[in-house]
Amino acid sequence: MYRAVNALRRVLYLQAALWVLVGVALATVPRFVLVTLFDQPPHQEFAWLRALGVESIGLALVTVLVAHRVEELWWWSWAFVLVAAATAAAALLNAAFGLAPHQSSVLWWLVAAVEMVFSLGLMYGLYASSRQQPVP
């Protein structure tokens, strides 16, 4: 079972690390990240983005908890597949149809691609784990 969940554990740790990095960036310097780095339109209020950053850190902590006990709790990873797939879909739809003319889409395509990769990696790990051990 260890080899089957090893891929799942690695993806969970990578996803948690990225969520912490993004969360810290959004919680501390949202204007710099979004407006300066990714050329997004400036907002009047960044409190929602700061809250999103804090929640991203919290989600990363839960991800690490599941990764630590992935041999017993591998099927909990479906929650993270849902988050990654839904985030990828929202970013993809926004990049394709939701941007104003001449607005940069780099951030949205990047988010969509990264979250799709995480979704596929988690689904592969779940598939491998389910072949070794059925859902409790």
N, C-alpha and C. Protein backbone atom coordinates (compact mmCIF):
# COMPACT_ATOMS: atom_id res chain seq x y z
N MET A 1 0.83 -1.20 0.00
CA MET A 1 0.00 0.00 0.00
C MET A 1 0.86 1.25 0.00
N TYR A 2 2.05 1.17 0.58
CA TYR A 2 2.90 2.36 0.69
C TYR A 2 3.22 2.95 -0.67
N ARG A 3 3.58 2.09 -1.64
CA ARG A 3 3.93 2.60 -2.97
C ARG A 3 2.73 3.20 -3.67
N ALA A 4 1.56 2.65 -3.42
CA ALA A 4 0.34 3.15 -4.08
C ALA A 4 -0.03 4.55 -3.61
N VAL A 5 0.18 4.84 -2.34
CA VAL A 5 -0.20 6.16 -1.82
C VAL A 5 0.95 7.16 -1.85
N ASN A 6 2.14 6.72 -2.22
CA ASN A 6 3.28 7.62 -2.24
C ASN A 6 3.07 8.77 -3.24
N ALA A 7 2.55 8.46 -4.41
CA ALA A 7 2.27 9.50 -5.40
C ALA A 7 1.22 10.47 -4.88
N LEU A 8 0.20 9.94 -4.25
CA LEU A 8 -0.86 10.78 -3.69
C LEU A 8 -0.29 11.69 -2.61
N ARG A 9 0.55 11.16 -1.75
CA ARG A 9 1.16 11.95 -0.68
C ARG A 9 2.00 13.09 -1.27
N ARG A 10 2.78 12.80 -2.29
CA ARG A 10 3.63 13.83 -2.90
C ARG A 10 2.80 14.95 -3.51
N VAL A 11 1.74 14.59 -4.20
CA VAL A 11 0.88 15.62 -4.81
C VAL A 11 0.23 16.46 -3.72
N LEU A 12 -0.22 15.82 -2.65
CA LEU A 12 -0.83 16.57 -1.55
C LEU A 12 0.15 17.56 -0.93
N TYR A 13 1.39 17.13 -0.71
CA TYR A 13 2.40 18.02 -0.15
C TYR A 13 2.72 19.17 -1.11
N LEU A 14 2.84 18.88 -2.39
CA LEU A 14 3.11 19.94 -3.37
C LEU A 14 1.96 20.94 -3.43
N GLN A 15 0.75 20.41 -3.43
CA GLN A 15 -0.42 21.27 -3.47
C GLN A 15 -0.49 22.14 -2.22
N ALA A 16 -0.22 21.56 -1.07
CA ALA A 16 -0.23 22.33 0.18
C ALA A 16 0.85 23.42 0.15
N ALA A 17 2.02 23.09 -0.34
CA ALA A 17 3.09 24.09 -0.41
C ALA A 17 2.70 25.26 -1.31
N LEU A 18 2.12 24.97 -2.45
CA LEU A 18 1.70 26.03 -3.35
C LEU A 18 0.59 26.87 -2.72
N TRP A 19 -0.37 26.22 -2.07
CA TRP A 19 -1.46 26.95 -1.43
C TRP A 19 -0.94 27.86 -0.32
N VAL A 20 0.07 27.41 0.41
CA VAL A 20 0.65 28.26 1.45
C VAL A 20 1.35 29.47 0.82
N LEU A 21 2.13 29.24 -0.23
CA LEU A 21 2.83 30.35 -0.88
C LEU A 21 1.84 31.38 -1.43
N VAL A 22 0.83 30.89 -2.13
CA VAL A 22 -0.17 31.80 -2.68
C VAL A 22 -0.95 32.48 -1.56
N GLY A 23 -1.28 31.73 -0.53
CA GLY A 23 -2.02 32.29 0.60
C GLY A 23 -1.25 33.38 1.32
N VAL A 24 0.02 33.15 1.58
CA VAL A 24 0.84 34.17 2.23
C VAL A 24 0.94 35.41 1.35
N ALA A 25 1.14 35.20 0.05
CA ALA A 25 1.24 36.34 -0.88
C ALA A 25 -0.05 37.14 -0.91
N LEU A 26 -1.19 36.47 -0.99
CA LEU A 26 -2.46 37.18 -1.03
C LEU A 26 -2.80 37.84 0.30
N ALA A 27 -2.45 37.20 1.40
CA ALA A 27 -2.76 37.75 2.71
C ALA A 27 -1.89 38.96 3.04
N THR A 28 -0.68 39.00 2.52
CA THR A 28 0.23 40.07 2.91
C THR A 28 0.39 41.17 1.86
N VAL A 29 0.51 40.81 0.60
CA VAL A 29 0.75 41.81 -0.45
C VAL A 29 -0.14 41.56 -1.68
N PRO A 30 -1.45 41.61 -1.52
CA PRO A 30 -2.31 41.29 -2.67
C PRO A 30 -2.17 42.27 -3.83
N ARG A 31 -2.00 43.54 -3.54
CA ARG A 31 -1.88 44.53 -4.62
C ARG A 31 -0.62 44.26 -5.45
N PHE A 32 0.50 43.98 -4.80
CA PHE A 32 1.74 43.70 -5.52
C PHE A 32 1.59 42.47 -6.40
N VAL A 33 1.02 41.40 -5.83
CA VAL A 33 0.89 40.15 -6.58
C VAL A 33 -0.03 40.31 -7.77
N LEU A 34 -1.20 40.86 -7.55
CA LEU A 34 -2.20 40.90 -8.62
C LEU A 34 -1.98 42.04 -9.61
N VAL A 35 -1.73 43.23 -9.10
CA VAL A 35 -1.64 44.39 -9.98
C VAL A 35 -0.24 44.49 -10.61
N THR A 36 0.79 44.35 -9.79
CA THR A 36 2.15 44.53 -10.30
C THR A 36 2.64 43.31 -11.08
N LEU A 37 2.54 42.13 -10.47
CA LEU A 37 3.08 40.93 -11.13
C LEU A 37 2.23 40.43 -12.28
N PHE A 38 0.90 40.42 -12.09
CA PHE A 38 0.02 39.80 -13.08
C PHE A 38 -0.85 40.78 -13.84
N ASP A 39 -0.61 42.06 -13.68
CA ASP A 39 -1.26 43.09 -14.48
C ASP A 39 -2.79 42.99 -14.45
N GLN A 40 -3.33 42.70 -13.27
CA GLN A 40 -4.77 42.66 -13.10
C GLN A 40 -5.26 44.07 -12.76
N PRO A 41 -6.53 44.37 -13.01
CA PRO A 41 -7.03 45.72 -12.70
C PRO A 41 -7.00 45.96 -11.18
N PRO A 42 -6.64 47.17 -10.76
CA PRO A 42 -6.59 47.45 -9.32
C PRO A 42 -7.99 47.47 -8.71
N HIS A 43 -8.07 47.03 -7.48
CA HIS A 43 -9.33 47.02 -6.74
C HIS A 43 -9.30 48.13 -5.70
N GLN A 44 -10.47 48.53 -5.26
CA GLN A 44 -10.55 49.50 -4.17
C GLN A 44 -10.33 48.81 -2.83
N GLU A 45 -10.76 47.56 -2.73
CA GLU A 45 -10.72 46.84 -1.47
C GLU A 45 -10.05 45.49 -1.65
N PHE A 46 -9.03 45.22 -0.87
CA PHE A 46 -8.31 43.96 -0.96
C PHE A 46 -8.61 43.02 0.21
N ALA A 47 -9.57 43.37 1.06
CA ALA A 47 -9.87 42.55 2.23
C ALA A 47 -10.33 41.14 1.84
N TRP A 48 -11.13 41.03 0.78
CA TRP A 48 -11.60 39.71 0.33
C TRP A 48 -10.43 38.85 -0.13
N LEU A 49 -9.48 39.46 -0.80
CA LEU A 49 -8.32 38.70 -1.26
C LEU A 49 -7.43 38.30 -0.08
N ARG A 50 -7.32 39.15 0.90
CA ARG A 50 -6.56 38.79 2.11
C ARG A 50 -7.23 37.62 2.83
N ALA A 51 -8.56 37.66 2.92
CA ALA A 51 -9.29 36.55 3.54
C ALA A 51 -9.11 35.26 2.74
N LEU A 52 -9.12 35.37 1.42
CA LEU A 52 -8.87 34.21 0.57
C LEU A 52 -7.47 33.64 0.83
N GLY A 53 -6.50 34.52 1.03
CA GLY A 53 -5.15 34.07 1.35
C GLY A 53 -5.09 33.31 2.66
N VAL A 54 -5.78 33.80 3.67
CA VAL A 54 -5.81 33.12 4.97
C VAL A 54 -6.50 31.76 4.83
N GLU A 55 -7.59 31.71 4.09
CA GLU A 55 -8.28 30.44 3.88
C GLU A 55 -7.44 29.46 3.09
N SER A 56 -6.66 29.95 2.16
CA SER A 56 -5.75 29.09 1.40
C SER A 56 -4.72 28.44 2.33
N ILE A 57 -4.23 29.19 3.28
CA ILE A 57 -3.28 28.63 4.27
C ILE A 57 -3.98 27.57 5.11
N GLY A 58 -5.21 27.84 5.54
CA GLY A 58 -5.96 26.85 6.32
C GLY A 58 -6.22 25.57 5.54
N LEU A 59 -6.57 25.70 4.26
CA LEU A 59 -6.78 24.53 3.42
C LEU A 59 -5.49 23.73 3.26
N ALA A 60 -4.38 24.44 3.15
CA ALA A 60 -3.08 23.76 3.04
C ALA A 60 -2.78 22.96 4.30
N LEU A 61 -3.12 23.49 5.46
CA LEU A 61 -2.89 22.76 6.72
C LEU A 61 -3.71 21.47 6.77
N VAL A 62 -4.96 21.54 6.32
CA VAL A 62 -5.79 20.33 6.28
C VAL A 62 -5.22 19.32 5.27
N THR A 63 -4.71 19.82 4.16
CA THR A 63 -4.10 18.95 3.16
C THR A 63 -2.91 18.21 3.75
N VAL A 64 -2.09 18.90 4.52
CA VAL A 64 -0.93 18.27 5.15
C VAL A 64 -1.39 17.21 6.17
N LEU A 65 -2.44 17.49 6.91
CA LEU A 65 -2.96 16.50 7.86
C LEU A 65 -3.38 15.22 7.15
N VAL A 66 -4.07 15.36 6.02
CA VAL A 66 -4.47 14.17 5.26
C VAL A 66 -3.24 13.47 4.70
N ALA A 67 -2.28 14.23 4.20
CA ALA A 67 -1.07 13.63 3.62
C ALA A 67 -0.28 12.84 4.67
N HIS A 68 -0.25 13.33 5.90
CA HIS A 68 0.47 12.61 6.96
C HIS A 68 -0.14 11.25 7.25
N ARG A 69 -1.45 11.12 7.09
CA ARG A 69 -2.13 9.86 7.39
C ARG A 69 -2.80 9.30 6.14
N VAL A 70 -2.16 9.48 5.01
CA VAL A 70 -2.77 9.13 3.73
C VAL A 70 -3.03 7.63 3.59
N GLU A 71 -2.28 6.79 4.29
CA GLU A 71 -2.54 5.34 4.20
C GLU A 71 -3.94 5.00 4.68
N GLU A 72 -4.42 5.70 5.72
CA GLU A 72 -5.77 5.44 6.25
C GLU A 72 -6.82 6.36 5.64
N LEU A 73 -6.42 7.56 5.27
CA LEU A 73 -7.38 8.58 4.86
C LEU A 73 -7.27 8.96 3.39
N TRP A 74 -6.75 8.07 2.55
CA TRP A 74 -6.50 8.42 1.15
C TRP A 74 -7.75 8.92 0.44
N TRP A 75 -8.90 8.39 0.76
CA TRP A 75 -10.13 8.74 0.07
C TRP A 75 -10.60 10.16 0.41
N TRP A 76 -10.08 10.77 1.48
CA TRP A 76 -10.40 12.16 1.81
C TRP A 76 -9.85 13.10 0.74
N SER A 77 -8.91 12.63 -0.05
CA SER A 77 -8.30 13.47 -1.08
C SER A 77 -9.28 13.89 -2.16
N TRP A 78 -10.44 13.23 -2.22
CA TRP A 78 -11.46 13.66 -3.19
C TRP A 78 -11.88 15.11 -2.93
N ALA A 79 -11.84 15.55 -1.68
CA ALA A 79 -12.17 16.94 -1.37
C ALA A 79 -11.20 17.89 -2.07
N PHE A 80 -9.93 17.52 -2.11
CA PHE A 80 -8.93 18.38 -2.75
C PHE A 80 -9.01 18.30 -4.27
N VAL A 81 -9.45 17.16 -4.78
CA VAL A 81 -9.72 17.06 -6.23
C VAL A 81 -10.84 18.02 -6.60
N LEU A 82 -11.89 18.04 -5.79
CA LEU A 82 -13.01 18.94 -6.05
C LEU A 82 -12.56 20.39 -6.06
N VAL A 83 -11.78 20.79 -5.06
CA VAL A 83 -11.30 22.18 -5.00
C VAL A 83 -10.43 22.50 -6.21
N ALA A 84 -9.49 21.61 -6.54
CA ALA A 84 -8.58 21.87 -7.66
C ALA A 84 -9.33 21.92 -8.99
N ALA A 85 -10.24 20.97 -9.21
CA ALA A 85 -10.97 20.93 -10.48
C ALA A 85 -11.90 22.13 -10.62
N ALA A 86 -12.58 22.50 -9.55
CA ALA A 86 -13.49 23.65 -9.62
C ALA A 86 -12.71 24.95 -9.81
N THR A 87 -11.57 25.07 -9.16
CA THR A 87 -10.73 26.26 -9.35
C THR A 87 -10.21 26.33 -10.77
N ALA A 88 -9.79 25.19 -11.31
CA ALA A 88 -9.33 25.15 -12.70
C ALA A 88 -10.44 25.55 -13.65
N ALA A 89 -11.63 25.04 -13.43
CA ALA A 89 -12.76 25.37 -14.31
C ALA A 89 -13.10 26.86 -14.23
N ALA A 90 -13.13 27.41 -13.03
CA ALA A 90 -13.44 28.84 -12.88
C ALA A 90 -12.38 29.71 -13.55
N ALA A 91 -11.11 29.35 -13.36
CA ALA A 91 -10.03 30.13 -13.98
C ALA A 91 -10.07 30.00 -15.50
N LEU A 92 -10.32 28.80 -15.99
CA LEU A 92 -10.39 28.57 -17.44
C LEU A 92 -11.53 29.36 -18.06
N LEU A 93 -12.70 29.31 -17.45
CA LEU A 93 -13.84 30.07 -17.97
C LEU A 93 -13.59 31.57 -17.92
N ASN A 94 -12.96 32.03 -16.85
CA ASN A 94 -12.66 33.46 -16.76
C ASN A 94 -11.64 33.87 -17.82
N ALA A 95 -10.61 33.05 -18.02
CA ALA A 95 -9.61 33.38 -19.04
C ALA A 95 -10.21 33.39 -20.44
N ALA A 96 -11.12 32.48 -20.69
CA ALA A 96 -11.70 32.36 -22.03
C ALA A 96 -12.81 33.38 -22.30
N PHE A 97 -13.62 33.68 -21.29
CA PHE A 97 -14.82 34.48 -21.56
C PHE A 97 -15.03 35.67 -20.63
N GLY A 98 -14.31 35.77 -19.54
CA GLY A 98 -14.66 36.76 -18.52
C GLY A 98 -13.79 37.99 -18.43
N LEU A 99 -12.80 38.12 -19.27
CA LEU A 99 -11.89 39.25 -19.15
C LEU A 99 -12.32 40.42 -20.03
N ALA A 100 -12.01 41.60 -19.54
CA ALA A 100 -12.27 42.81 -20.32
C ALA A 100 -11.27 42.87 -21.48
N PRO A 101 -11.59 43.61 -22.51
CA PRO A 101 -10.63 43.76 -23.62
C PRO A 101 -9.29 44.30 -23.12
N HIS A 102 -8.23 43.73 -23.62
CA HIS A 102 -6.86 44.12 -23.30
C HIS A 102 -6.46 43.82 -21.86
N GLN A 103 -7.23 43.03 -21.16
CA GLN A 103 -6.87 42.62 -19.79
C GLN A 103 -6.00 41.37 -19.88
N SER A 104 -4.95 41.31 -19.09
CA SER A 104 -4.03 40.18 -19.13
C SER A 104 -4.71 38.90 -18.65
N SER A 105 -4.49 37.83 -19.39
CA SER A 105 -5.07 36.53 -19.03
C SER A 105 -4.02 35.56 -18.49
N VAL A 106 -2.78 36.00 -18.36
CA VAL A 106 -1.69 35.12 -17.95
C VAL A 106 -1.99 34.45 -16.61
N LEU A 107 -2.41 35.24 -15.62
CA LEU A 107 -2.70 34.68 -14.30
C LEU A 107 -3.75 33.60 -14.38
N TRP A 108 -4.81 33.83 -15.14
CA TRP A 108 -5.92 32.88 -15.20
C TRP A 108 -5.55 31.59 -15.91
N TRP A 109 -4.77 31.69 -17.00
CA TRP A 109 -4.32 30.48 -17.67
C TRP A 109 -3.35 29.70 -16.78
N LEU A 110 -2.51 30.40 -16.04
CA LEU A 110 -1.57 29.75 -15.13
C LEU A 110 -2.31 29.01 -14.02
N VAL A 111 -3.29 29.67 -13.41
CA VAL A 111 -4.09 29.02 -12.36
C VAL A 111 -4.81 27.80 -12.93
N ALA A 112 -5.42 27.94 -14.10
CA ALA A 112 -6.13 26.81 -14.70
C ALA A 112 -5.20 25.64 -14.97
N ALA A 113 -4.03 25.90 -15.52
CA ALA A 113 -3.09 24.82 -15.84
C ALA A 113 -2.58 24.13 -14.58
N VAL A 114 -2.18 24.91 -13.59
CA VAL A 114 -1.63 24.32 -12.35
C VAL A 114 -2.69 23.49 -11.63
N GLU A 115 -3.89 24.01 -11.54
CA GLU A 115 -4.95 23.27 -10.84
C GLU A 115 -5.39 22.02 -11.61
N MET A 116 -5.34 22.08 -12.95
CA MET A 116 -5.62 20.87 -13.73
C MET A 116 -4.57 19.79 -13.47
N VAL A 117 -3.32 20.20 -13.42
CA VAL A 117 -2.25 19.24 -13.12
C VAL A 117 -2.46 18.63 -11.74
N PHE A 118 -2.79 19.45 -10.76
CA PHE A 118 -3.05 18.91 -9.42
C PHE A 118 -4.25 17.96 -9.43
N SER A 119 -5.30 18.32 -10.14
CA SER A 119 -6.48 17.45 -10.23
C SER A 119 -6.11 16.09 -10.80
N LEU A 120 -5.37 16.10 -11.89
CA LEU A 120 -4.98 14.84 -12.53
C LEU A 120 -4.03 14.03 -11.64
N GLY A 121 -3.10 14.71 -10.99
CA GLY A 121 -2.18 14.02 -10.09
C GLY A 121 -2.90 13.38 -8.91
N LEU A 122 -3.84 14.11 -8.34
CA LEU A 122 -4.62 13.56 -7.23
C LEU A 122 -5.49 12.39 -7.69
N MET A 123 -6.10 12.52 -8.86
CA MET A 123 -6.95 11.43 -9.35
C MET A 123 -6.12 10.19 -9.65
N TYR A 124 -4.91 10.37 -10.17
CA TYR A 124 -4.04 9.21 -10.37
C TYR A 124 -3.70 8.56 -9.03
N GLY A 125 -3.33 9.37 -8.04
CA GLY A 125 -3.03 8.83 -6.71
C GLY A 125 -4.22 8.14 -6.09
N LEU A 126 -5.40 8.69 -6.26
CA LEU A 126 -6.61 8.05 -5.74
C LEU A 126 -6.89 6.73 -6.46
N TYR A 127 -6.68 6.72 -7.76
CA TYR A 127 -6.87 5.48 -8.52
C TYR A 127 -5.92 4.39 -8.02
N ALA A 128 -4.65 4.74 -7.89
CA ALA A 128 -3.65 3.76 -7.43
C ALA A 128 -3.96 3.29 -6.02
N SER A 129 -4.38 4.20 -5.16
CA SER A 129 -4.71 3.83 -3.79
C SER A 129 -5.94 2.96 -3.71
N SER A 130 -6.94 3.24 -4.53
CA SER A 130 -8.18 2.46 -4.49
C SER A 130 -7.97 1.04 -4.97
N ARG A 131 -6.98 0.81 -5.81
CA ARG A 131 -6.69 -0.53 -6.29
C ARG A 131 -6.06 -1.38 -5.19
N GLN A 132 -5.39 -0.75 -4.26
CA GLN A 132 -4.74 -1.46 -3.17
C GLN A 132 -5.63 -1.64 -1.95
N GLN A 133 -6.48 -0.66 -1.72
CA GLN A 133 -7.31 -0.69 -0.52
C GLN A 133 -8.66 -0.06 -0.83
N PRO A 134 -9.76 -0.76 -0.58
CA PRO A 134 -11.08 -0.19 -0.88
C PRO A 134 -11.44 0.93 0.12
N VAL A 135 -12.42 1.73 -0.26
CA VAL A 135 -12.89 2.79 0.62
C VAL A 135 -13.46 2.18 1.89
N PRO A 136 -13.06 2.70 3.07
CA PRO A 136 -13.58 2.13 4.32
C PRO A 136 -15.07 2.35 4.49
